[in-house]
Amino acid sequence: METLVDAEFLKNIAKAPVVKRAISAPQVLNEAYRYARPSSFSRGMRIDLNGIVILLISGTASIDEHGNSVHIGDFRAQMRRTLHNITGLLAAEGATWHDVVRTTCYLRDIERDYAAFNEERTAFYQEQGIDPLPASTGIQAILCRPELLVEIEAIAMFRVPPAEAEAARP
């Protein structure tokens, strides 16, 4: 019987339209296309698939609502602002950190900053009551602005009520 349910679910998913739209939270983070030198990406993408929502949050850093880098030279403050920005992007789509299933974390200097990064992330997740923790990867990378010390991508997933799923269809 379980195989029948799985097959039916897969059959419905296979026929479901994929609806996508950009995610925006201008109260915490400006749009990259509004930079003095515009950049061509969305802050995130929402994908609706037959009642399942997937949020793909672009690499997000310590940028304010005017597009300025903030907390220059202060890794912990940049980390907190980055988490704040991602929180705003998630909230714009009705999600929270409890819906995050994966993060990819880029640090300019992983040897110097990883301990502070992990302390800030752990404290934040504890404040949020996150359990289980998202899957995650940490990578040392040169970031898009020389003053940025951390950038994080996130993937969140959640279900929406059937009426909301139906309304999202084209």
Protein backbone atom coordinates (compact mmCIF):
# COMPACT_ATOMS: atom_id res chain seq x y z
CA MET A 1 0.00 0.00 0.00
CA GLU A 2 2.84 2.39 0.76
CA THR A 3 4.18 1.93 -2.78
CA LEU A 4 0.78 2.95 -4.17
CA VAL A 5 0.80 6.16 -2.12
CA ASP A 6 4.36 6.93 -3.22
CA ALA A 7 3.48 6.27 -6.85
CA GLU A 8 0.40 8.52 -6.64
CA PHE A 9 2.44 11.29 -5.02
CA LEU A 10 5.08 11.05 -7.75
CA LYS A 11 2.42 11.05 -10.45
CA ASN A 12 0.91 14.27 -9.04
CA ILE A 13 4.31 15.94 -8.68
CA ALA A 14 5.24 14.98 -12.25
CA LYS A 15 2.17 16.83 -13.58
CA ALA A 16 2.38 19.83 -11.27
CA PRO A 17 3.44 23.14 -12.76
CA VAL A 18 6.65 24.67 -11.42
CA VAL A 19 5.92 28.25 -10.41
CA LYS A 20 8.85 30.52 -9.58
CA ARG A 21 9.25 34.13 -8.54
CA ALA A 22 11.89 36.35 -7.02
CA ILE A 23 12.13 36.87 -3.26
CA SER A 24 12.55 40.40 -1.97
CA ALA A 25 12.85 41.99 1.48
CA PRO A 26 13.73 45.66 0.82
CA GLN A 27 13.21 46.61 4.47
CA VAL A 28 16.43 44.75 5.35
CA LEU A 29 18.32 44.32 2.08
CA ASN A 30 18.24 46.23 -1.20
CA GLU A 31 17.99 44.61 -4.61
CA ALA A 32 21.27 43.95 -6.38
CA TYR A 33 19.93 45.45 -9.60
CA ARG A 34 19.66 48.79 -7.74
CA TYR A 35 23.38 49.04 -7.03
CA ALA A 36 25.23 51.97 -8.61
CA ARG A 37 26.77 49.24 -10.78
CA PRO A 38 23.83 46.81 -11.01
CA SER A 39 24.31 43.11 -10.49
CA SER A 40 22.07 40.61 -12.27
CA PHE A 41 20.63 38.27 -9.67
CA SER A 42 17.64 37.95 -7.37
CA ARG A 43 18.08 37.92 -3.60
CA GLY A 44 16.32 34.60 -3.72
CA MET A 45 13.93 32.47 -5.70
CA ARG A 46 10.66 30.90 -4.52
CA ILE A 47 9.64 27.69 -6.25
CA ASP A 48 6.11 26.36 -5.71
CA LEU A 49 5.62 22.73 -6.64
CA ASN A 50 2.23 21.21 -5.86
CA GLY A 51 2.05 22.42 -2.25
CA ILE A 52 5.78 22.24 -1.54
CA VAL A 53 7.68 25.52 -1.43
CA ILE A 54 11.43 25.67 -1.94
CA LEU A 55 13.27 28.91 -1.17
CA LEU A 56 16.71 29.38 -2.69
CA ILE A 57 18.38 32.29 -0.88
CA SER A 58 21.30 33.78 -2.80
CA GLY A 59 24.61 34.44 -1.14
CA THR A 60 23.77 37.06 1.48
CA ALA A 61 26.18 39.22 3.43
CA SER A 62 26.38 42.26 5.71
CA ILE A 63 24.62 44.66 3.33
CA ASP A 64 22.04 47.21 4.47
CA GLU A 65 18.77 48.29 2.88
CA HIS A 66 20.66 50.94 0.85
CA GLY A 67 23.18 48.48 -0.61
CA ASN A 68 26.03 49.54 1.65
CA SER A 69 28.42 47.10 3.31
CA VAL A 70 28.04 47.47 7.08
CA HIS A 71 30.18 46.47 10.09
CA ILE A 72 33.41 46.67 8.11
CA GLY A 73 36.22 44.88 9.95
CA ASP A 74 33.91 43.33 12.58
CA PHE A 75 33.38 39.65 11.71
CA ARG A 76 30.83 38.95 14.46
CA ALA A 77 28.70 41.98 13.58
CA GLN A 78 28.85 41.04 9.87
CA MET A 79 27.74 37.52 10.75
CA ARG A 80 24.79 38.82 12.79
CA ARG A 81 23.74 41.21 9.98
CA THR A 82 24.00 38.38 7.45
CA LEU A 83 21.71 36.19 9.59
CA HIS A 84 19.33 39.15 10.03
CA ASN A 85 19.16 39.64 6.25
CA ILE A 86 18.45 35.95 5.61
CA THR A 87 15.79 36.04 8.34
CA GLY A 88 14.11 38.92 6.49
CA LEU A 89 14.22 37.09 3.16
CA LEU A 90 12.72 33.96 4.75
CA ALA A 91 10.00 35.98 6.51
CA ALA A 92 9.05 37.70 3.24
CA GLU A 93 7.89 34.26 2.05
CA GLY A 94 6.30 33.08 5.31
CA ALA A 95 9.28 30.95 6.34
CA THR A 96 11.62 30.84 9.32
CA TRP A 97 14.98 29.30 10.09
CA HIS A 98 13.06 26.16 11.14
CA ASP A 99 12.38 25.64 7.41
CA VAL A 100 16.06 25.89 6.40
CA VAL A 101 17.46 22.53 5.33
CA ARG A 102 20.88 23.60 4.02
CA THR A 103 23.36 26.46 4.17
CA THR A 104 26.57 27.11 2.30
CA CYS A 105 28.84 29.47 4.22
CA TYR A 106 31.68 31.39 2.59
CA LEU A 107 34.37 32.91 4.82
CA ARG A 108 37.09 35.20 3.49
CA ASP A 109 39.60 33.76 5.99
CA ILE A 110 38.39 30.43 7.36
CA GLU A 111 41.44 29.86 9.57
CA ARG A 112 41.09 33.24 11.27
CA ASP A 113 37.29 33.47 11.47
CA TYR A 114 35.87 29.93 11.71
CA ALA A 115 35.79 29.83 15.54
CA ALA A 116 33.88 33.14 15.70
CA PHE A 117 31.64 32.02 12.84
CA ASN A 118 30.74 28.78 14.58
CA GLU A 119 30.14 30.52 17.94
CA GLU A 120 27.80 33.09 16.33
CA ARG A 121 25.97 30.47 14.26
CA THR A 122 25.57 28.14 17.26
CA ALA A 123 24.25 30.97 19.48
CA PHE A 124 21.82 32.06 16.74
CA TYR A 125 20.52 28.54 16.16
CA GLN A 126 20.07 28.06 19.92
CA GLU A 127 18.14 31.37 20.16
CA GLN A 128 15.91 30.16 17.31
CA GLY A 129 15.46 26.68 18.86
CA ILE A 130 16.65 24.98 15.66
CA ASP A 131 16.58 21.17 15.85
CA PRO A 132 17.57 19.42 13.71
CA LEU A 133 20.32 21.70 12.46
CA PRO A 134 20.53 22.38 8.72
CA ALA A 135 23.08 20.57 6.60
CA SER A 136 25.97 22.96 5.97
CA THR A 137 29.25 23.45 4.17
CA GLY A 138 31.94 26.00 5.05
CA ILE A 139 34.22 27.27 2.30
CA GLN A 140 37.03 29.81 2.19
CA ALA A 141 36.40 32.20 -0.69
CA ILE A 142 37.13 35.62 -2.08
CA LEU A 143 33.81 37.44 -1.75
CA CYS A 144 32.27 39.98 -4.13
CA ARG A 145 33.36 42.98 -2.04
CA PRO A 146 36.78 43.13 -0.36
CA GLU A 147 35.34 44.37 2.96
CA LEU A 148 32.93 41.45 3.35
CA LEU A 149 34.09 38.65 5.64
CA VAL A 150 31.16 36.20 5.43
CA GLU A 151 28.42 35.31 2.94
CA ILE A 152 25.76 32.63 3.38
CA GLU A 153 23.38 30.87 0.99
CA ALA A 154 20.34 29.01 2.31
CA ILE A 155 17.75 26.55 1.07
CA ALA A 156 14.41 26.29 2.88
CA MET A 157 11.49 23.94 2.26
CA PHE A 158 7.95 23.85 3.62
CA ARG A 159 4.41 22.83 2.70
CA VAL A 160 1.54 25.21 2.11
CA PRO A 161 -2.16 24.47 2.60
CA PRO A 162 -3.90 22.99 -0.50
CA ALA A 163 -5.88 26.21 -1.18
CA GLU A 164 -2.68 28.26 -1.18
CA ALA A 165 -0.97 25.71 -3.44
CA GLU A 166 -3.89 25.91 -5.88
CA ALA A 167 -3.76 29.73 -5.86
CA ALA A 168 -0.04 29.62 -6.78
CA ARG A 169 -0.71 27.70 -9.99
CA PRO A 170 -0.59 29.67 -13.25
